[in-house]
C-alpha atoms as a PDB file:
ATOM      1  CA  MET A   1       0.000   0.000   0.000  1.00  0.00           C
ATOM      2  CA  THR A   2       2.805   2.400   0.906  1.00  0.00           C
ATOM      3  CA  ASN A   3       4.388   1.973  -2.534  1.00  0.00           C
ATOM      4  CA  ASN A   4       1.112   3.008  -4.184  1.00  0.00           C
ATOM      5  CA  ILE A   5       0.918   6.119  -2.013  1.00  0.00           C
ATOM      6  CA  ILE A   6       4.533   7.095  -2.720  1.00  0.00           C
ATOM      7  CA  ASN A   7       4.149   6.446  -6.465  1.00  0.00           C
ATOM      8  CA  ASP A   8       1.038   8.650  -6.578  1.00  0.00           C
ATOM      9  CA  ASN A   9       2.810  11.320  -4.539  1.00  0.00           C
ATOM     10  CA  ILE A  10       5.725  11.329  -6.985  1.00  0.00           C
ATOM     11  CA  LEU A  11       3.349  11.754  -9.933  1.00  0.00           C
ATOM     12  CA  TYR A  12       1.549  14.658  -8.274  1.00  0.00           C
ATOM     13  CA  LEU A  13       4.766  16.364  -7.225  1.00  0.00           C
ATOM     14  CA  LYS A  14       6.056  16.151 -10.807  1.00  0.00           C
ATOM     15  CA  GLU A  15       2.837  17.785 -11.990  1.00  0.00           C
ATOM     16  CA  TRP A  16       3.264  20.493  -9.363  1.00  0.00           C
ATOM     17  CA  TYR A  17       6.754  21.154 -10.771  1.00  0.00           C
ATOM     18  CA  SER A  18       5.180  22.050 -14.089  1.00  0.00           C
ATOM     19  CA  LEU A  19       2.794  24.444 -12.330  1.00  0.00           C
ATOM     20  CA  ASN A  20       5.424  25.953 -10.043  1.00  0.00           C
ATOM     21  CA  PRO A  21       9.022  25.525 -11.295  1.00  0.00           C
ATOM     22  CA  SER A  22      10.429  27.039  -8.085  1.00  0.00           C
ATOM     23  CA  LEU A  23       9.747  23.645  -6.462  1.00  0.00           C
ATOM     24  CA  ILE A  24      12.216  21.793  -8.698  1.00  0.00           C
ATOM     25  CA  ASN A  25      15.323  20.539  -6.838  1.00  0.00           C
ATOM     26  CA  LYS A  26      14.041  22.089  -3.599  1.00  0.00           C
ATOM     27  CA  LEU A  27      11.099  19.834  -2.851  1.00  0.00           C
ATOM     28  CA  TYR A  28      11.320  16.160  -3.776  1.00  0.00           C
ATOM     29  CA  ILE A  29      10.487  12.649  -2.619  1.00  0.00           C
ATOM     30  CA  GLU A  30      13.191  10.319  -1.397  1.00  0.00           C
ATOM     31  CA  ASP A  31      12.145   6.869  -0.181  1.00  0.00           C
ATOM     32  CA  ASN A  32       9.051   7.536   1.987  1.00  0.00           C
ATOM     33  CA  TYR A  33       9.909  11.159   2.702  1.00  0.00           C
ATOM     34  CA  LEU A  34       9.033  14.536   1.304  1.00  0.00           C
ATOM     35  CA  VAL A  35      12.334  16.414   1.422  1.00  0.00           C
ATOM     36  CA  LEU A  36      12.785  20.173   1.534  1.00  0.00           C
ATOM     37  CA  LYS A  37      16.259  21.339   0.611  1.00  0.00           C
ATOM     38  CA  GLU A  38      17.008  24.934   1.493  1.00  0.00           C
ATOM     39  CA  ASN A  39      20.530  26.290   1.217  1.00  0.00           C
ATOM     40  CA  GLU A  40      22.687  23.577   2.776  1.00  0.00           C
ATOM     41  CA  THR A  41      20.043  22.113   5.075  1.00  0.00           C
ATOM     42  CA  SER A  42      17.246  19.677   4.426  1.00  0.00           C
ATOM     43  CA  SER A  43      14.098  18.667   6.287  1.00  0.00           C
ATOM     44  CA  LYS A  44      12.221  15.381   5.900  1.00  0.00           C
ATOM     45  CA  LEU A  45       8.577  14.492   6.385  1.00  0.00           C
ATOM     46  CA  ASP A  46       7.353  10.878   6.381  1.00  0.00           C
ATOM     47  CA  ILE A  47       4.553  10.745   3.789  1.00  0.00           C
ATOM     48  CA  SER A  48       4.300   6.965   3.540  1.00  0.00           C
ATOM     49  CA  ASN A  49       0.683   7.137   4.747  1.00  0.00           C
ATOM     50  CA  PHE A  50      -0.326  10.464   3.261  1.00  0.00           C
ATOM     51  CA  TYR A  51      -1.492  11.326  -0.251  1.00  0.00           C
ATOM     52  CA  LEU A  52      -0.177  14.755  -1.241  1.00  0.00           C
ATOM     53  CA  PRO A  53      -3.224  15.228  -3.523  1.00  0.00           C
ATOM     54  CA  GLU A  54      -5.386  15.447  -0.376  1.00  0.00           C
ATOM     55  CA  MET A  55      -4.026  18.968   0.005  1.00  0.00           C
ATOM     56  CA  LEU A  56      -5.760  19.862  -3.262  1.00  0.00           C
ATOM     57  CA  TYR A  57      -9.147  19.479  -1.558  1.00  0.00           C
ATOM     58  CA  ASN A  58      -8.400  22.888  -0.029  1.00  0.00           C
ATOM     59  CA  GLU A  59      -9.410  25.464  -2.647  1.00  0.00           C
ATOM     60  CA  ASN A  60      -7.051  28.147  -1.312  1.00  0.00           C
ATOM     61  CA  PHE A  61      -4.097  25.779  -1.574  1.00  0.00           C
ATOM     62  CA  ARG A  62      -5.133  24.667  -5.046  1.00  0.00           C
ATOM     63  CA  ASN A  63      -5.467  28.249  -6.336  1.00  0.00           C
ATOM     64  CA  LYS A  64      -2.128  29.435  -4.939  1.00  0.00           C
ATOM     65  CA  LEU A  65      -0.037  26.374  -5.806  1.00  0.00           C
ATOM     66  CA  ILE A  66       0.632  27.525  -9.327  1.00  0.00           C
ATOM     67  CA  SER A  67       2.732  30.524  -8.452  1.00  0.00           C
ATOM     68  CA  GLN A  68       2.457  31.808  -4.918  1.00  0.00           C
ATOM     69  CA  TYR A  69       3.765  29.043  -2.665  1.00  0.00           C
ATOM     70  CA  THR A  70       7.437  28.521  -2.025  1.00  0.00           C
ATOM     71  CA  PRO A  71       8.859  25.035  -1.507  1.00  0.00           C
ATOM     72  CA  SER A  72       9.022  25.803   2.222  1.00  0.00           C
ATOM     73  CA  ASP A  73       5.350  26.830   2.247  1.00  0.00           C
ATOM     74  CA  ILE A  74       4.285  23.564   0.632  1.00  0.00           C
ATOM     75  CA  PHE A  75       6.492  21.520   2.966  1.00  0.00           C
ATOM     76  CA  ASN A  76       5.029  23.289   6.026  1.00  0.00           C
ATOM     77  CA  ILE A  77       1.459  22.834   4.779  1.00  0.00           C
ATOM     78  CA  ALA A  78       2.119  19.133   4.128  1.00  0.00           C
ATOM     79  CA  THR A  79       3.538  18.839   7.666  1.00  0.00           C
ATOM     80  CA  VAL A  80       0.338  20.274   9.140  1.00  0.00           C
ATOM     81  CA  TYR A  81      -1.788  17.888   7.050  1.00  0.00           C
ATOM     82  CA  VAL A  82       0.270  14.831   8.065  1.00  0.00           C
ATOM     83  CA  GLU A  83       0.261  15.771  11.757  1.00  0.00           C
ATOM     84  CA  ALA A  84      -3.479  16.491  11.721  1.00  0.00           C
ATOM     85  CA  LYS A  85      -4.197  13.178   9.996  1.00  0.00           C
ATOM     86  CA  GLU A  86      -2.056  11.301  12.524  1.00  0.00           C
ATOM     87  CA  ALA A  87      -3.847  13.021  15.408  1.00  0.00           C
ATOM     88  CA  LEU A  88      -7.235  12.085  13.952  1.00  0.00           C
ATOM     89  CA  ASN A  89      -6.147   8.480  13.444  1.00  0.00           C
ATOM     90  CA  ILE A  90      -4.940   8.236  17.046  1.00  0.00           C
ATOM     91  CA  SER A  91      -8.219   9.705  18.238  1.00  0.00           C
ATOM     92  CA  ASN A  92     -10.242   7.248  16.130  1.00  0.00           C
ATOM     93  CA  VAL A  93      -8.261   4.282  17.424  1.00  0.00           C
ATOM     94  CA  LEU A  94      -8.621   5.415  21.031  1.00  0.00           C
ATOM     95  CA  ASP A  95     -12.374   5.909  20.613  1.00  0.00           C
ATOM     96  CA  SER A  96     -12.816   2.589  18.859  1.00  0.00           C
ATOM     97  CA  PRO A  97     -13.824  -0.472  20.923  1.00  0.00           C
ATOM     98  CA  LYS A  98     -11.622  -3.546  20.905  1.00  0.00           C
ATOM     99  CA  ILE A  99     -12.829  -6.712  19.211  1.00  0.00           C
ATOM    100  CA  THR A 100     -13.420  -9.503  21.703  1.00  0.00           C
ATOM    101  CA  SER A 101     -14.464 -12.238  19.271  1.00  0.00           C
ATOM    102  CA  LEU A 102     -14.691 -13.045  15.603  1.00  0.00           C
ATOM    103  CA  GLU A 103     -16.817 -16.041  14.599  1.00  0.00           C
ATOM    104  CA  ILE A 104     -18.178 -17.604  11.441  1.00  0.00           C
ATOM    105  CA  GLN A 105     -21.977 -17.801  11.687  1.00  0.00           C
ATOM    106  CA  LYS A 106     -24.838 -18.770   9.376  1.00  0.00           C
ATOM    107  CA  ASP A 107     -27.980 -16.736   8.862  1.00  0.00           C
ATOM    108  CA  GLU A 108     -31.549 -17.948   8.258  1.00  0.00           C
ATOM    109  CA  GLU A 109     -30.749 -18.574   4.594  1.00  0.00           C
ATOM    110  CA  ASN A 110     -27.705 -20.664   5.536  1.00  0.00           C
ATOM    111  CA  LYS A 111     -25.342 -17.945   4.260  1.00  0.00           C
ATOM    112  CA  GLU A 112     -22.050 -17.680   6.160  1.00  0.00           C
ATOM    113  CA  PHE A 113     -20.853 -14.363   7.579  1.00  0.00           C
ATOM    114  CA  LEU A 114     -18.451 -13.119  10.232  1.00  0.00           C
ATOM    115  CA  LEU A 115     -19.928 -12.064  13.543  1.00  0.00           C
ATOM    116  CA  ILE A 116     -17.726  -9.474  15.214  1.00  0.00           C
ATOM    117  CA  THR A 117     -18.296  -8.718  18.890  1.00  0.00           C
ATOM    118  CA  THR A 118     -16.649  -5.728  20.587  1.00  0.00           C
ATOM    119  CA  GLU A 119     -15.796  -5.048  24.218  1.00  0.00           C
ATOM    120  CA  ASP A 120     -18.929  -2.901  24.587  1.00  0.00           C
ATOM    121  CA  ASN A 121     -20.920  -6.042  23.608  1.00  0.00           C
ATOM    122  CA  LYS A 122     -22.003  -4.677  20.225  1.00  0.00           C
ATOM    123  CA  LYS A 123     -22.294  -7.174  17.418  1.00  0.00           C
ATOM    124  CA  TYR A 124     -21.461  -6.516  13.775  1.00  0.00           C
ATOM    125  CA  ARG A 125     -22.191  -8.644  10.749  1.00  0.00           C
ATOM    126  CA  PHE A 126     -19.476  -8.714   8.076  1.00  0.00           C
ATOM    127  CA  ASP A 127     -20.390 -10.428   4.789  1.00  0.00           C
ATOM    128  CA  THR A 128     -17.395 -11.791   2.936  1.00  0.00           C
ATOM    129  CA  THR A 129     -16.705 -14.761   0.721  1.00  0.00           C
ATOM    130  CA  ASN A 130     -13.380 -15.358   2.460  1.00  0.00           C
ATOM    131  CA  GLN A 131     -14.045 -15.578   6.192  1.00  0.00           C
ATOM    132  CA  GLU A 132     -10.877 -17.573   6.893  1.00  0.00           C
ATOM    133  CA  LYS A 133      -8.686 -14.896   5.318  1.00  0.00           C
ATOM    134  CA  MET A 134     -10.357 -12.171   7.384  1.00  0.00           C
ATOM    135  CA  ILE A 135      -9.878 -14.198  10.554  1.00  0.00           C
ATOM    136  CA  ASN A 136      -6.198 -14.692   9.655  1.00  0.00           C
ATOM    137  CA  ILE A 137      -5.763 -10.942   9.092  1.00  0.00           C
ATOM    138  CA  TYR A 138      -7.384 -10.281  12.474  1.00  0.00           C
ATOM    139  CA  ASN A 139      -5.250 -12.900  14.245  1.00  0.00           C
ATOM    140  CA  GLU A 140      -2.010 -11.590  12.726  1.00  0.00           C
ATOM    141  CA  GLU A 141      -2.731  -8.074  13.972  1.00  0.00           C
ATOM    142  CA  LYS A 142      -3.923  -9.329  17.379  1.00  0.00           C
ATOM    143  CA  ASN A 143      -0.708 -11.337  17.791  1.00  0.00           C
ATOM    144  CA  LYS A 144       1.359  -8.198  17.155  1.00  0.00           C
ATOM    145  CA  LYS A 145      -0.117  -6.030  19.904  1.00  0.00           C
ATOM    146  CA  GLY A 146      -2.640  -8.073  21.845  1.00  0.00           C
ATOM    147  CA  TYR A 147      -5.839  -6.486  20.553  1.00  0.00           C
ATOM    148  CA  VAL A 148      -7.512  -5.062  17.453  1.00  0.00           C
ATOM    149  CA  THR A 149     -10.091  -2.279  17.489  1.00  0.00           C
ATOM    150  CA  ILE A 150     -13.084  -2.293  15.179  1.00  0.00           C
ATOM    151  CA  ASN A 151     -11.655   0.724  13.286  1.00  0.00           C
ATOM    152  CA  GLU A 152      -8.267  -0.937  12.905  1.00  0.00           C
ATOM    153  CA  PHE A 153      -9.896  -4.100  11.558  1.00  0.00           C
ATOM    154  CA  GLY A 154     -11.861  -2.014   9.064  1.00  0.00           C
ATOM    155  CA  GLY A 155      -8.592  -0.409   7.925  1.00  0.00           C
ATOM    156  CA  LEU A 156      -6.907  -3.798   7.597  1.00  0.00           C
ATOM    157  CA  ILE A 157      -9.771  -5.081   5.483  1.00  0.00           C
ATOM    158  CA  LYS A 158      -9.680  -1.951   3.319  1.00  0.00           C
ATOM    159  CA  ASN A 159      -5.919  -2.303   2.814  1.00  0.00           C
ATOM    160  CA  GLU A 160      -6.330  -5.964   1.901  1.00  0.00           C
ATOM    161  CA  THR A 161      -9.008  -5.254  -0.695  1.00  0.00           C
ATOM    162  CA  ASN A 162      -6.913  -2.412  -2.209  1.00  0.00           C
ATOM    163  CA  ASN A 163      -3.889  -4.675  -2.730  1.00  0.00           C
END
């Protein structure tokens, strides 16, 4: 997934170069980092989980990108976006209940589904044709840190279906 994000970020940054040539050689992507090179110093921002195009949702940013922003401006704006997204993700994980069980069940029509139960005793039905794979994904993550929240599991499933 990270490679897809970085590849998309590289494509967008190259397009931004054509709109604002002052970015060339001063703002670039190296490995998973957006790098700002000013004078003899450089700053790095991990963008492995952030799509630079998300910044284009902001109309003010989009309108000024062509000529008004310096490489430093864009780097600082990207930093704010990444930090805000990380803060929101932490908040979502903290607010999300932990999964206490994951079971294969059958409904009235004999169709199999996953029954997910959370620590607050809420039950969720998840229809999938590959229950075993979903259980394996859950177990792998649970073995890493001891628990999986409902939001984390949703993210894992989304990542799996995007690959």
